[in-house]
């Protein structure tokens, strides 16, 4: 019986580890200072100029992998990635466009995906 409990704990640990990997990069916190950011972001005016189309979800449970569904957390310590919104496109690591529909979210430029892993 003790071996079964140990195995269940190992399975639970592996599940939690896998689940945390799946949602990594989707809990976002907007920092006040550029030096504290993991990624510098610029919001473009047109969808066609974006690297990533972002949909802001209402609940943390709605984030799914690294597919452009962002949940903005209230505390920096809860975030997977800290972003800073820059004023000029040339200073950005990532260009985003906010979409109105969840189905529109996603990467337009796959070479930038690593920024949110």
PDB file of N, CA and C in Angstrom:
ATOM      1  N   UNK A   1       0.810  -1.207   0.000  1.00  0.00           N
ATOM      2  CA  UNK A   1       0.000   0.000   0.000  1.00  0.00           C
ATOM      3  C   UNK A   1       0.854   1.274   0.000  1.00  0.00           C
ATOM      4  N   UNK A   2       1.962   1.361   0.779  1.00  0.00           N
ATOM      5  CA  UNK A   2       2.792   2.563   0.747  1.00  0.00           C
ATOM      6  C   UNK A   2       3.374   2.846  -0.630  1.00  0.00           C
ATOM      7  N   UNK A   3       3.713   1.792  -1.399  1.00  0.00           N
ATOM      8  CA  UNK A   3       4.243   1.988  -2.748  1.00  0.00           C
ATOM      9  C   UNK A   3       3.208   2.613  -3.670  1.00  0.00           C
ATOM     10  N   UNK A   4       1.949   2.230  -3.475  1.00  0.00           N
ATOM     11  CA  UNK A   4       0.870   2.783  -4.278  1.00  0.00           C
ATOM     12  C   UNK A   4       0.719   4.279  -4.009  1.00  0.00           C
ATOM     13  N   UNK A   5       0.814   4.691  -2.764  1.00  0.00           N
ATOM     14  CA  UNK A   5       0.719   6.106  -2.401  1.00  0.00           C
ATOM     15  C   UNK A   5       1.894   6.877  -2.988  1.00  0.00           C
ATOM     16  N   UNK A   6       3.066   6.310  -2.904  1.00  0.00           N
ATOM     17  CA  UNK A   6       4.237   6.947  -3.483  1.00  0.00           C
ATOM     18  C   UNK A   6       4.071   7.117  -4.987  1.00  0.00           C
ATOM     19  N   UNK A   7       3.552   6.113  -5.645  1.00  0.00           N
ATOM     20  CA  UNK A   7       3.315   6.183  -7.078  1.00  0.00           C
ATOM     21  C   UNK A   7       2.274   7.254  -7.405  1.00  0.00           C
ATOM     22  N   UNK A   8       1.239   7.343  -6.622  1.00  0.00           N
ATOM     23  CA  UNK A   8       0.198   8.363  -6.839  1.00  0.00           C
ATOM     24  C   UNK A   8       0.787   9.764  -6.673  1.00  0.00           C
ATOM     25  N   UNK A   9       1.660   9.939  -5.693  1.00  0.00           N
ATOM     26  CA  UNK A   9       2.305  11.234  -5.494  1.00  0.00           C
ATOM     27  C   UNK A   9       3.184  11.573  -6.685  1.00  0.00           C
ATOM     28  N   UNK A  10       3.908  10.588  -7.198  1.00  0.00           N
ATOM     29  CA  UNK A  10       4.752  10.816  -8.374  1.00  0.00           C
ATOM     30  C   UNK A  10       3.909  11.188  -9.585  1.00  0.00           C
ATOM     31  N   UNK A  11       2.791  10.511  -9.769  1.00  0.00           N
ATOM     32  CA  UNK A  11       1.901  10.828 -10.887  1.00  0.00           C
ATOM     33  C   UNK A  11       1.325  12.234 -10.754  1.00  0.00           C
ATOM     34  N   UNK A  12       0.934  12.591  -9.552  1.00  0.00           N
ATOM     35  CA  UNK A  12       0.409  13.924  -9.316  1.00  0.00           C
ATOM     36  C   UNK A  12       1.472  14.980  -9.604  1.00  0.00           C
ATOM     37  N   UNK A  13       2.694  14.725  -9.150  1.00  0.00           N
ATOM     38  CA  UNK A  13       3.795  15.657  -9.410  1.00  0.00           C
ATOM     39  C   UNK A  13       4.030  15.814 -10.912  1.00  0.00           C
ATOM     40  N   UNK A  14       4.065  14.705 -11.632  1.00  0.00           N
ATOM     41  CA  UNK A  14       4.290  14.762 -13.081  1.00  0.00           C
ATOM     42  C   UNK A  14       3.153  15.501 -13.791  1.00  0.00           C
ATOM     43  N   UNK A  15       1.928  15.270 -13.356  1.00  0.00           N
ATOM     44  CA  UNK A  15       0.781  15.964 -13.938  1.00  0.00           C
ATOM     45  C   UNK A  15       0.897  17.468 -13.715  1.00  0.00           C
ATOM     46  N   UNK A  16       1.218  17.871 -12.492  1.00  0.00           N
ATOM     47  CA  UNK A  16       1.348  19.296 -12.191  1.00  0.00           C
ATOM     48  C   UNK A  16       2.503  19.926 -12.963  1.00  0.00           C
ATOM     49  N   UNK A  17       3.581  19.209 -13.097  1.00  0.00           N
ATOM     50  CA  UNK A  17       4.722  19.694 -13.863  1.00  0.00           C
ATOM     51  C   UNK A  17       4.338  19.879 -15.328  1.00  0.00           C
ATOM     52  N   UNK A  18       3.666  18.898 -15.898  1.00  0.00           N
ATOM     53  CA  UNK A  18       3.216  18.977 -17.284  1.00  0.00           C
ATOM     54  C   UNK A  18       2.227  20.117 -17.469  1.00  0.00           C
ATOM     55  N   UNK A  19       1.271  20.246 -16.547  1.00  0.00           N
ATOM     56  CA  UNK A  19       0.264  21.306 -16.642  1.00  0.00           C
ATOM     57  C   UNK A  19       0.907  22.680 -16.562  1.00  0.00           C
ATOM     58  N   UNK A  20       1.876  22.865 -15.689  1.00  0.00           N
ATOM     59  CA  UNK A  20       2.538  24.166 -15.570  1.00  0.00           C
ATOM     60  C   UNK A  20       3.304  24.504 -16.840  1.00  0.00           C
ATOM     61  N   UNK A  21       3.850  23.485 -17.515  1.00  0.00           N
ATOM     62  CA  UNK A  21       4.536  23.719 -18.789  1.00  0.00           C
ATOM     63  C   UNK A  21       3.547  24.169 -19.856  1.00  0.00           C
ATOM     64  N   UNK A  22       2.366  23.580 -19.850  1.00  0.00           N
ATOM     65  CA  UNK A  22       1.369  23.876 -20.875  1.00  0.00           C
ATOM     66  C   UNK A  22       0.886  25.330 -20.819  1.00  0.00           C
ATOM     67  N   UNK A  23       0.798  25.923 -19.651  1.00  0.00           N
ATOM     68  CA  UNK A  23       0.258  27.276 -19.552  1.00  0.00           C
ATOM     69  C   UNK A  23       1.352  28.335 -19.434  1.00  0.00           C
ATOM     70  N   UNK A  24       2.591  27.928 -19.454  1.00  0.00           N
ATOM     71  CA  UNK A  24       3.690  28.865 -19.288  1.00  0.00           C
ATOM     72  C   UNK A  24       3.670  29.922 -20.390  1.00  0.00           C
ATOM     73  N   UNK A  25       3.898  31.169 -19.974  1.00  0.00           N
ATOM     74  CA  UNK A  25       3.969  32.248 -20.939  1.00  0.00           C
ATOM     75  C   UNK A  25       2.659  32.933 -21.201  1.00  0.00           C
ATOM     76  N   UNK A  26       1.633  32.570 -20.485  1.00  0.00           N
ATOM     77  CA  UNK A  26       0.332  33.159 -20.746  1.00  0.00           C
ATOM     78  C   UNK A  26      -0.193  34.029 -19.611  1.00  0.00           C
ATOM     79  N   UNK A  27       0.387  33.906 -18.429  1.00  0.00           N
ATOM     80  CA  UNK A  27       0.016  34.796 -17.335  1.00  0.00           C
ATOM     81  C   UNK A  27       0.973  35.987 -17.420  1.00  0.00           C
ATOM     82  N   UNK A  28       0.403  37.140 -17.702  1.00  0.00           N
ATOM     83  CA  UNK A  28       1.186  38.326 -18.057  1.00  0.00           C
ATOM     84  C   UNK A  28       1.022  39.412 -17.003  1.00  0.00           C
ATOM     85  N   UNK A  29       2.127  40.093 -16.722  1.00  0.00           N
ATOM     86  CA  UNK A  29       2.092  41.261 -15.850  1.00  0.00           C
ATOM     87  C   UNK A  29       2.781  42.410 -16.575  1.00  0.00           C
ATOM     88  N   UNK A  30       2.154  43.552 -16.586  1.00  0.00           N
ATOM     89  CA  UNK A  30       2.709  44.740 -17.230  1.00  0.00           C
ATOM     90  C   UNK A  30       3.489  45.549 -16.190  1.00  0.00           C
ATOM     91  N   UNK A  31       4.808  45.625 -16.392  1.00  0.00           N
ATOM     92  CA  UNK A  31       5.667  46.337 -15.441  1.00  0.00           C
ATOM     93  C   UNK A  31       5.772  47.819 -15.800  1.00  0.00           C
ATOM     94  N   UNK A  32       6.169  48.621 -14.821  1.00  0.00           N
ATOM     95  CA  UNK A  32       6.281  50.070 -15.020  1.00  0.00           C
ATOM     96  C   UNK A  32       7.619  50.497 -15.605  1.00  0.00           C
ATOM     97  N   UNK A  33       8.620  49.630 -15.451  1.00  0.00           N
ATOM     98  CA  UNK A  33       9.965  49.994 -15.898  1.00  0.00           C
ATOM     99  C   UNK A  33      10.484  48.974 -16.899  1.00  0.00           C
ATOM    100  N   UNK A  34      11.044  49.465 -17.971  1.00  0.00           N
ATOM    101  CA  UNK A  34      11.560  48.623 -19.049  1.00  0.00           C
ATOM    102  C   UNK A  34      12.594  47.619 -18.550  1.00  0.00           C
ATOM    103  N   UNK A  35      13.415  48.032 -17.615  1.00  0.00           N
ATOM    104  CA  UNK A  35      14.485  47.168 -17.107  1.00  0.00           C
ATOM    105  C   UNK A  35      13.954  45.937 -16.363  1.00  0.00           C
ATOM    106  N   UNK A  36      12.716  45.945 -15.933  1.00  0.00           N
ATOM    107  CA  UNK A  36      12.127  44.821 -15.197  1.00  0.00           C
ATOM    108  C   UNK A  36      11.401  43.832 -16.110  1.00  0.00           C
ATOM    109  N   UNK A  37      11.332  44.145 -17.400  1.00  0.00           N
ATOM    110  CA  UNK A  37      10.545  43.332 -18.329  1.00  0.00           C
ATOM    111  C   UNK A  37      11.341  42.175 -18.911  1.00  0.00           C
ATOM    112  N   UNK A  38      10.618  41.091 -19.177  1.00  0.00           N
ATOM    113  CA  UNK A  38      11.177  39.970 -19.926  1.00  0.00           C
ATOM    114  C   UNK A  38      11.084  40.254 -21.427  1.00  0.00           C
ATOM    115  N   UNK A  39      10.006  40.931 -21.807  1.00  0.00           N
ATOM    116  CA  UNK A  39       9.737  41.199 -23.218  1.00  0.00           C
ATOM    117  C   UNK A  39       9.217  42.625 -23.363  1.00  0.00           C
ATOM    118  N   UNK A  40       9.768  43.348 -24.356  1.00  0.00           N
ATOM    119  CA  UNK A  40       9.271  44.690 -24.680  1.00  0.00           C
ATOM    120  C   UNK A  40       8.258  44.548 -25.812  1.00  0.00           C
ATOM    121  N   UNK A  41       7.075  45.129 -25.601  1.00  0.00           N
ATOM    122  CA  UNK A  41       5.944  44.933 -26.505  1.00  0.00           C
ATOM    123  C   UNK A  41       5.476  46.265 -27.076  1.00  0.00           C
ATOM    124  N   UNK A  42       5.111  46.232 -28.356  1.00  0.00           N
ATOM    125  CA  UNK A  42       4.514  47.398 -29.005  1.00  0.00           C
ATOM    126  C   UNK A  42       3.183  46.961 -29.599  1.00  0.00           C
ATOM    127  N   UNK A  43       2.136  47.756 -29.366  1.00  0.00           N
ATOM    128  CA  UNK A  43       0.818  47.457 -29.909  1.00  0.00           C
ATOM    129  C   UNK A  43       0.690  48.170 -31.255  1.00  0.00           C
ATOM    130  N   UNK A  44       0.545  47.388 -32.316  1.00  0.00           N
ATOM    131  CA  UNK A  44       0.441  47.956 -33.664  1.00  0.00           C
ATOM    132  C   UNK A  44      -1.007  48.307 -33.991  1.00  0.00           C
ATOM    133  N   UNK A  45      -1.173  49.161 -34.994  1.00  0.00           N
ATOM    134  CA  UNK A  45      -2.505  49.620 -35.391  1.00  0.00           C
ATOM    135  C   UNK A  45      -3.227  48.645 -36.313  1.00  0.00           C
ATOM    136  N   UNK A  46      -2.454  47.801 -36.986  1.00  0.00           N
ATOM    137  CA  UNK A  46      -3.046  46.901 -37.964  1.00  0.00           C
ATOM    138  C   UNK A  46      -2.626  45.458 -37.703  1.00  0.00           C
ATOM    139  N   UNK A  47      -3.575  44.577 -37.810  1.00  0.00           N
ATOM    140  CA  UNK A  47      -3.360  43.151 -37.582  1.00  0.00           C
ATOM    141  C   UNK A  47      -2.220  42.607 -38.450  1.00  0.00           C
ATOM    142  N   UNK A  48      -2.134  43.067 -39.652  1.00  0.00           N
ATOM    143  CA  UNK A  48      -1.132  42.560 -40.593  1.00  0.00           C
ATOM    144  C   UNK A  48       0.304  42.899 -40.189  1.00  0.00           C
ATOM    145  N   UNK A  49       0.494  43.856 -39.297  1.00  0.00           N
ATOM    146  CA  UNK A  49       1.834  44.258 -38.856  1.00  0.00           C
ATOM    147  C   UNK A  49       2.269  43.564 -37.567  1.00  0.00           C
ATOM    148  N   UNK A  50       1.412  42.730 -37.009  1.00  0.00           N
ATOM    149  CA  UNK A  50       1.678  42.098 -35.713  1.00  0.00           C
ATOM    150  C   UNK A  50       2.419  40.778 -35.867  1.00  0.00           C
ATOM    151  N   UNK A  51       3.224  40.481 -34.855  1.00  0.00           N
ATOM    152  CA  UNK A  51       3.847  39.159 -34.734  1.00  0.00           C
ATOM    153  C   UNK A  51       2.873  38.187 -34.066  1.00  0.00           C
ATOM    154  N   UNK A  52       2.076  38.729 -33.151  1.00  0.00           N
ATOM    155  CA  UNK A  52       1.152  37.920 -32.364  1.00  0.00           C
ATOM    156  C   UNK A  52      -0.186  38.636 -32.235  1.00  0.00           C
ATOM    157  N   UNK A  53      -1.254  37.899 -32.481  1.00  0.00           N
ATOM    158  CA  UNK A  53      -2.608  38.409 -32.255  1.00  0.00           C
ATOM    159  C   UNK A  53      -3.026  37.946 -30.865  1.00  0.00           C
ATOM    160  N   UNK A  54      -3.352  38.895 -29.996  1.00  0.00           N
ATOM    161  CA  UNK A  54      -3.611  38.597 -28.580  1.00  0.00           C
ATOM    162  C   UNK A  54      -5.087  38.793 -28.251  1.00  0.00           C
ATOM    163  N   UNK A  55      -5.617  37.815 -27.535  1.00  0.00           N
ATOM    164  CA  UNK A  55      -6.958  37.911 -26.990  1.00  0.00           C
ATOM    165  C   UNK A  55      -6.834  37.899 -25.469  1.00  0.00           C
ATOM    166  N   UNK A  56      -7.398  38.904 -24.815  1.00  0.00           N
ATOM    167  CA  UNK A  56      -7.355  38.962 -23.348  1.00  0.00           C
ATOM    168  C   UNK A  56      -8.498  38.122 -22.786  1.00  0.00           C
ATOM    169  N   UNK A  57      -8.131  37.050 -22.076  1.00  0.00           N
ATOM    170  CA  UNK A  57      -9.141  36.178 -21.480  1.00  0.00           C
ATOM    171  C   UNK A  57      -9.553  36.715 -20.112  1.00  0.00           C
ATOM    172  N   UNK A  58     -10.747  36.342 -19.687  1.00  0.00           N
ATOM    173  CA  UNK A  58     -11.282  36.843 -18.419  1.00  0.00           C
ATOM    174  C   UNK A  58     -10.835  36.017 -17.221  1.00  0.00           C
ATOM    175  N   UNK A  59     -10.500  34.751 -17.478  1.00  0.00           N
ATOM    176  CA  UNK A  59     -10.157  33.852 -16.384  1.00  0.00           C
ATOM    177  C   UNK A  59      -8.832  33.148 -16.674  1.00  0.00           C
ATOM    178  N   UNK A  60      -8.045  32.950 -15.649  1.00  0.00           N
ATOM    179  CA  UNK A  60      -6.745  32.302 -15.778  1.00  0.00           C
ATOM    180  C   UNK A  60      -6.861  30.902 -16.375  1.00  0.00           C
ATOM    181  N   UNK A  61      -7.938  30.216 -16.069  1.00  0.00           N
ATOM    182  CA  UNK A  61      -8.132  28.849 -16.564  1.00  0.00           C
ATOM    183  C   UNK A  61      -8.331  28.794 -18.076  1.00  0.00           C
ATOM    184  N   UNK A  62      -8.541  29.942 -18.716  1.00  0.00           N
ATOM    185  CA  UNK A  62      -8.787  29.976 -20.156  1.00  0.00           C
ATOM    186  C   UNK A  62      -7.514  30.060 -20.990  1.00  0.00           C
ATOM    187  N   UNK A  63      -6.364  30.233 -20.351  1.00  0.00           N
ATOM    188  CA  UNK A  63      -5.126  30.291 -21.129  1.00  0.00           C
ATOM    189  C   UNK A  63      -4.811  28.903 -21.659  1.00  0.00           C
ATOM    190  N   UNK A  64      -4.244  28.860 -22.858  1.00  0.00           N
ATOM    191  CA  UNK A  64      -3.986  27.578 -23.503  1.00  0.00           C
ATOM    192  C   UNK A  64      -2.671  27.647 -24.252  1.00  0.00           C
ATOM    193  N   UNK A  65      -1.655  27.004 -23.695  1.00  0.00           N
ATOM    194  CA  UNK A  65      -0.337  26.928 -24.317  1.00  0.00           C
ATOM    195  C   UNK A  65       0.206  28.322 -24.613  1.00  0.00           C
ATOM    196  N   UNK A  66       0.842  28.456 -25.753  1.00  0.00           N
ATOM    197  CA  UNK A  66       1.435  29.725 -26.168  1.00  0.00           C
ATOM    198  C   UNK A  66       0.754  30.157 -27.457  1.00  0.00           C
ATOM    199  N   UNK A  67      -0.552  30.394 -27.357  1.00  0.00           N
ATOM    200  CA  UNK A  67      -1.360  30.657 -28.546  1.00  0.00           C
ATOM    201  C   UNK A  67      -1.985  32.047 -28.578  1.00  0.00           C
ATOM    202  N   UNK A  68      -1.476  32.960 -27.781  1.00  0.00           N
ATOM    203  CA  UNK A  68      -1.970  34.331 -27.845  1.00  0.00           C
ATOM    204  C   UNK A  68      -3.132  34.654 -26.934  1.00  0.00           C
ATOM    205  N   UNK A  69      -3.491  33.757 -26.050  1.00  0.00           N
ATOM    206  CA  UNK A  69      -4.543  34.034 -25.077  1.00  0.00           C
ATOM    207  C   UNK A  69      -3.851  34.448 -23.785  1.00  0.00           C
ATOM    208  N   UNK A  70      -3.987  35.717 -23.444  1.00  0.00           N
ATOM    209  CA  UNK A  70      -3.280  36.265 -22.286  1.00  0.00           C
ATOM    210  C   UNK A  70      -4.235  36.554 -21.148  1.00  0.00           C
ATOM    211  N   UNK A  71      -3.768  36.235 -19.945  1.00  0.00           N
ATOM    212  CA  UNK A  71      -4.470  36.619 -18.724  1.00  0.00           C
ATOM    213  C   UNK A  71      -3.551  37.560 -17.964  1.00  0.00           C
ATOM    214  N   UNK A  72      -4.004  38.779 -17.728  1.00  0.00           N
ATOM    215  CA  UNK A  72      -3.197  39.766 -17.014  1.00  0.00           C
ATOM    216  C   UNK A  72      -3.412  39.587 -15.512  1.00  0.00           C
ATOM    217  N   UNK A  73      -2.337  39.243 -14.814  1.00  0.00           N
ATOM    218  CA  UNK A  73      -2.398  39.042 -13.371  1.00  0.00           C
ATOM    219  C   UNK A  73      -2.173  40.367 -12.651  1.00  0.00           C
ATOM    220  N   UNK A  74      -2.606  40.418 -11.403  1.00  0.00           N
ATOM    221  CA  UNK A  74      -2.512  41.649 -10.612  1.00  0.00           C
ATOM    222  C   UNK A  74      -1.174  41.822  -9.898  1.00  0.00           C
ATOM    223  N   UNK A  75      -0.433  40.717  -9.780  1.00  0.00           N
ATOM    224  CA  UNK A  75       0.831  40.777  -9.049  1.00  0.00           C
ATOM    225  C   UNK A  75       1.960  40.187  -9.891  1.00  0.00           C
ATOM    226  N   UNK A  76       3.086  40.860  -9.864  1.00  0.00           N
ATOM    227  CA  UNK A  76       4.255  40.445 -10.641  1.00  0.00           C
ATOM    228  C   UNK A  76       4.681  39.019 -10.318  1.00  0.00           C
ATOM    229  N   UNK A  77       4.587  38.636  -9.066  1.00  0.00           N
ATOM    230  CA  UNK A  77       5.034  37.302  -8.642  1.00  0.00           C
ATOM    231  C   UNK A  77       4.190  36.171  -9.236  1.00  0.00           C
ATOM    232  N   UNK A  78       2.995  36.466  -9.704  1.00  0.00           N
ATOM    233  CA  UNK A  78       2.114  35.447 -10.282  1.00  0.00           C
ATOM    234  C   UNK A  78       2.320  35.274 -11.787  1.00  0.00           C
ATOM    235  N   UNK A  79       3.090  36.139 -12.397  1.00  0.00           N
ATOM    236  CA  UNK A  79       3.241  36.145 -13.851  1.00  0.00           C
ATOM    237  C   UNK A  79       4.270  35.144 -14.339  1.00  0.00           C
ATOM    238  N   UNK A  80       3.993  34.603 -15.512  1.00  0.00           N
ATOM    239  CA  UNK A  80       4.982  33.794 -16.210  1.00  0.00           C
ATOM    240  C   UNK A  80       5.915  34.702 -17.006  1.00  0.00           C
ATOM    241  N   UNK A  81       5.361  35.787 -17.525  1.00  0.00           N
ATOM    242  CA  UNK A  81       6.166  36.757 -18.278  1.00  0.00           C
ATOM    243  C   UNK A  81       5.779  38.172 -17.863  1.00  0.00           C
ATOM    244  N   UNK A  82       6.821  39.008 -17.759  1.00  0.00           N
ATOM    245  CA  UNK A  82       6.616  40.420 -17.450  1.00  0.00           C
ATOM    246  C   UNK A  82       6.874  41.204 -18.736  1.00  0.00           C
ATOM    247  N   UNK A  83       5.930  42.063 -19.086  1.00  0.00           N
ATOM    248  CA  UNK A  83       6.083  42.830 -20.317  1.00  0.00           C
ATOM    249  C   UNK A  83       6.110  44.322 -20.016  1.00  0.00           C
ATOM    250  N   UNK A  84       6.702  45.048 -20.929  1.00  0.00           N
ATOM    251  CA  UNK A  84       6.726  46.503 -20.860  1.00  0.00           C
ATOM    252  C   UNK A  84       6.259  47.016 -22.213  1.00  0.00           C
ATOM    253  N   UNK A  85       5.263  47.906 -22.207  1.00  0.00           N
ATOM    254  CA  UNK A  85       4.754  48.482 -23.443  1.00  0.00           C
ATOM    255  C   UNK A  85       5.624  49.675 -23.828  1.00  0.00           C
ATOM    256  N   UNK A  86       6.321  49.544 -24.961  1.00  0.00           N
ATOM    257  CA  UNK A  86       7.193  50.614 -25.440  1.00  0.00           C
ATOM    258  C   UNK A  86       6.405  51.575 -26.331  1.00  0.00           C
ATOM    259  N   UNK A  87       6.935  52.785 -26.476  1.00  0.00           N
ATOM    260  CA  UNK A  87       6.264  53.817 -27.263  1.00  0.00           C
ATOM    261  C   UNK A  87       6.614  53.776 -28.743  1.00  0.00           C
ATOM    262  N   UNK A  88       7.699  53.090 -29.075  1.00  0.00           N
ATOM    263  CA  UNK A  88       8.149  53.058 -30.468  1.00  0.00           C
ATOM    264  C   UNK A  88       8.334  51.620 -30.933  1.00  0.00           C
ATOM    265  N   UNK A  89       7.841  51.335 -32.112  1.00  0.00           N
ATOM    266  CA  UNK A  89       7.908  49.999 -32.693  1.00  0.00           C
ATOM    267  C   UNK A  89       9.342  49.480 -32.772  1.00  0.00           C
ATOM    268  N   UNK A  90      10.272  50.357 -33.071  1.00  0.00           N
ATOM    269  CA  UNK A  90      11.674  49.956 -33.233  1.00  0.00           C
ATOM    270  C   UNK A  90      12.321  49.473 -31.928  1.00  0.00           C
ATOM    271  N   UNK A  91      11.728  49.791 -30.808  1.00  0.00           N
ATOM    272  CA  UNK A  91      12.279  49.376 -29.508  1.00  0.00           C
ATOM    273  C   UNK A  91      11.673  48.055 -29.010  1.00  0.00           C
ATOM    274  N   UNK A  92      10.729  47.505 -29.748  1.00  0.00           N
ATOM    275  CA  UNK A  92       9.991  46.321 -29.298  1.00  0.00           C
ATOM    276  C   UNK A  92      10.670  45.016 -29.684  1.00  0.00           C
ATOM    277  N   UNK A  93      10.540  44.034 -28.791  1.00  0.00           N
ATOM    278  CA  UNK A  93      10.922  42.663 -29.101  1.00  0.00           C
ATOM    279  C   UNK A  93       9.784  41.963 -29.839  1.00  0.00           C
ATOM    280  N   UNK A  94       8.563  42.380 -29.513  1.00  0.00           N
ATOM    281  CA  UNK A  94       7.372  41.710 -30.011  1.00  0.00           C
ATOM    282  C   UNK A  94       6.302  42.745 -30.352  1.00  0.00           C
ATOM    283  N   UNK A  95       5.703  42.599 -31.539  1.00  0.00           N
ATOM    284  CA  UNK A  95       4.605  43.483 -31.950  1.00  0.00           C
ATOM    285  C   UNK A  95       3.301  42.694 -31.836  1.00  0.00           C
ATOM    286  N   UNK A  96       2.335  43.280 -31.117  1.00  0.00           N
ATOM    287  CA  UNK A  96       1.065  42.587 -30.913  1.00  0.00           C
ATOM    288  C   UNK A  96      -0.099  43.434 -31.409  1.00  0.00           C
ATOM    289  N   UNK A  97      -1.204  42.751 -31.634  1.00  0.00           N
ATOM    290  CA  UNK A  97      -2.468  43.400 -31.978  1.00  0.00           C
ATOM    291  C   UNK A  97      -3.540  42.699 -31.160  1.00  0.00           C
ATOM    292  N   UNK A  98      -4.350  43.471 -30.424  1.00  0.00           N
ATOM    293  CA  UNK A  98      -5.415  42.888 -29.619  1.00  0.00           C
ATOM    294  C   UNK A  98      -6.633  42.613 -30.500  1.00  0.00           C
ATOM    295  N   UNK A  99      -7.114  41.367 -30.452  1.00  0.00           N
ATOM    296  CA  UNK A  99      -8.274  40.966 -31.245  1.00  0.00           C
ATOM    297  C   UNK A  99      -9.498  40.846 -30.346  1.00  0.00           C
ATOM    298  N   UNK A 100     -10.668  40.915 -30.963  1.00  0.00           N
ATOM    299  CA  UNK A 100     -11.931  40.882 -30.223  1.00  0.00           C
ATOM    300  C   UNK A 100     -12.490  39.474 -30.037  1.00  0.00           C
ATOM    301  N   UNK A 101     -11.954  38.527 -30.773  1.00  0.00           N
ATOM    302  CA  UNK A 101     -12.483  37.170 -30.712  1.00  0.00           C
ATOM    303  C   UNK A 101     -11.370  36.177 -30.399  1.00  0.00           C
ATOM    304  N   UNK A 102     -11.669  35.256 -29.497  1.00  0.00           N
ATOM    305  CA  UNK A 102     -10.698  34.253 -29.067  1.00  0.00           C
ATOM    306  C   UNK A 102     -10.159  33.432 -30.235  1.00  0.00           C
ATOM    307  N   UNK A 103     -11.022  33.124 -31.181  1.00  0.00           N
ATOM    308  CA  UNK A 103     -10.613  32.298 -32.319  1.00  0.00           C
ATOM    309  C   UNK A 103      -9.596  32.990 -33.225  1.00  0.00           C
ATOM    310  N   UNK A 104      -9.450  34.294 -33.123  1.00  0.00           N
ATOM    311  CA  UNK A 104      -8.504  35.048 -33.952  1.00  0.00           C
ATOM    312  C   UNK A 104      -7.096  35.077 -33.353  1.00  0.00           C
ATOM    313  N   UNK A 105      -6.953  34.708 -32.093  1.00  0.00           N
ATOM    314  CA  UNK A 105      -5.658  34.770 -31.410  1.00  0.00           C
ATOM    315  C   UNK A 105      -4.687  33.770 -32.018  1.00  0.00           C
ATOM    316  N   UNK A 106      -3.418  34.162 -32.064  1.00  0.00           N
ATOM    317  CA  UNK A 106      -2.394  33.239 -32.541  1.00  0.00           C
ATOM    318  C   UNK A 106      -1.188  33.948 -33.120  1.00  0.00           C
ATOM    319  N   UNK A 107      -0.189  33.176 -33.420  1.00  0.00           N
ATOM    320  CA  UNK A 107       1.072  33.711 -33.938  1.00  0.00           C
ATOM    321  C   UNK A 107       0.999  33.936 -35.432  1.00  0.00           C
ATOM    322  N   UNK A 108       1.493  35.074 -35.850  1.00  0.00           N
ATOM    323  CA  UNK A 108       1.657  35.371 -37.278  1.00  0.00           C
ATOM    324  C   UNK A 108       3.131  35.212 -37.659  1.00  0.00           C
ATOM    325  N   UNK A 109       4.008  35.348 -36.683  1.00  0.00           N
ATOM    326  CA  UNK A 109       5.451  35.240 -36.901  1.00  0.00           C
ATOM    327  C   UNK A 109       6.021  34.222 -35.921  1.00  0.00           C
ATOM    328  N   UNK A 110       6.146  32.979 -36.377  1.00  0.00           N
ATOM    329  CA  UNK A 110       6.580  31.891 -35.490  1.00  0.00           C
ATOM    330  C   UNK A 110       7.991  32.057 -34.943  1.00  0.00           C
ATOM    331  N   UNK A 111       8.813  32.827 -35.589  1.00  0.00           N
ATOM    332  CA  UNK A 111      10.194  32.977 -35.113  1.00  0.00           C
ATOM    333  C   UNK A 111      10.272  33.745 -33.786  1.00  0.00           C
ATOM    334  N   UNK A 112       9.176  34.350 -33.364  1.00  0.00           N
ATOM    335  CA  UNK A 112       9.144  35.101 -32.104  1.00  0.00           C
ATOM    336  C   UNK A 112       8.538  34.301 -30.952  1.00  0.00           C
ATOM    337  N   UNK A 113       8.068  33.087 -31.227  1.00  0.00           N
ATOM    338  CA  UNK A 113       7.413  32.294 -30.190  1.00  0.00           C
ATOM    339  C   UNK A 113       8.260  32.080 -28.954  1.00  0.00           C
ATOM    340  N   UNK A 114       9.551  31.957 -29.137  1.00  0.00           N
ATOM    341  CA  UNK A 114      10.440  31.679 -28.011  1.00  0.00           C
ATOM    342  C   UNK A 114      10.400  32.779 -26.942  1.00  0.00           C
ATOM    343  N   UNK A 115       9.964  33.970 -27.305  1.00  0.00           N
ATOM    344  CA  UNK A 115       9.919  35.077 -26.347  1.00  0.00           C
ATOM    345  C   UNK A 115       8.953  34.809 -25.196  1.00  0.00           C
ATOM    346  N   UNK A 116       7.942  33.991 -25.432  1.00  0.00           N
ATOM    347  CA  UNK A 116       6.934  33.759 -24.398  1.00  0.00           C
ATOM    348  C   UNK A 116       7.002  32.351 -23.803  1.00  0.00           C
ATOM    349  N   UNK A 117       8.081  31.618 -24.068  1.00  0.00           N
ATOM    350  CA  UNK A 117       8.257  30.309 -23.415  1.00  0.00           C
ATOM    351  C   UNK A 117       9.069  30.464 -22.166  1.00  0.00           C
TER     352      UNK A 117
END
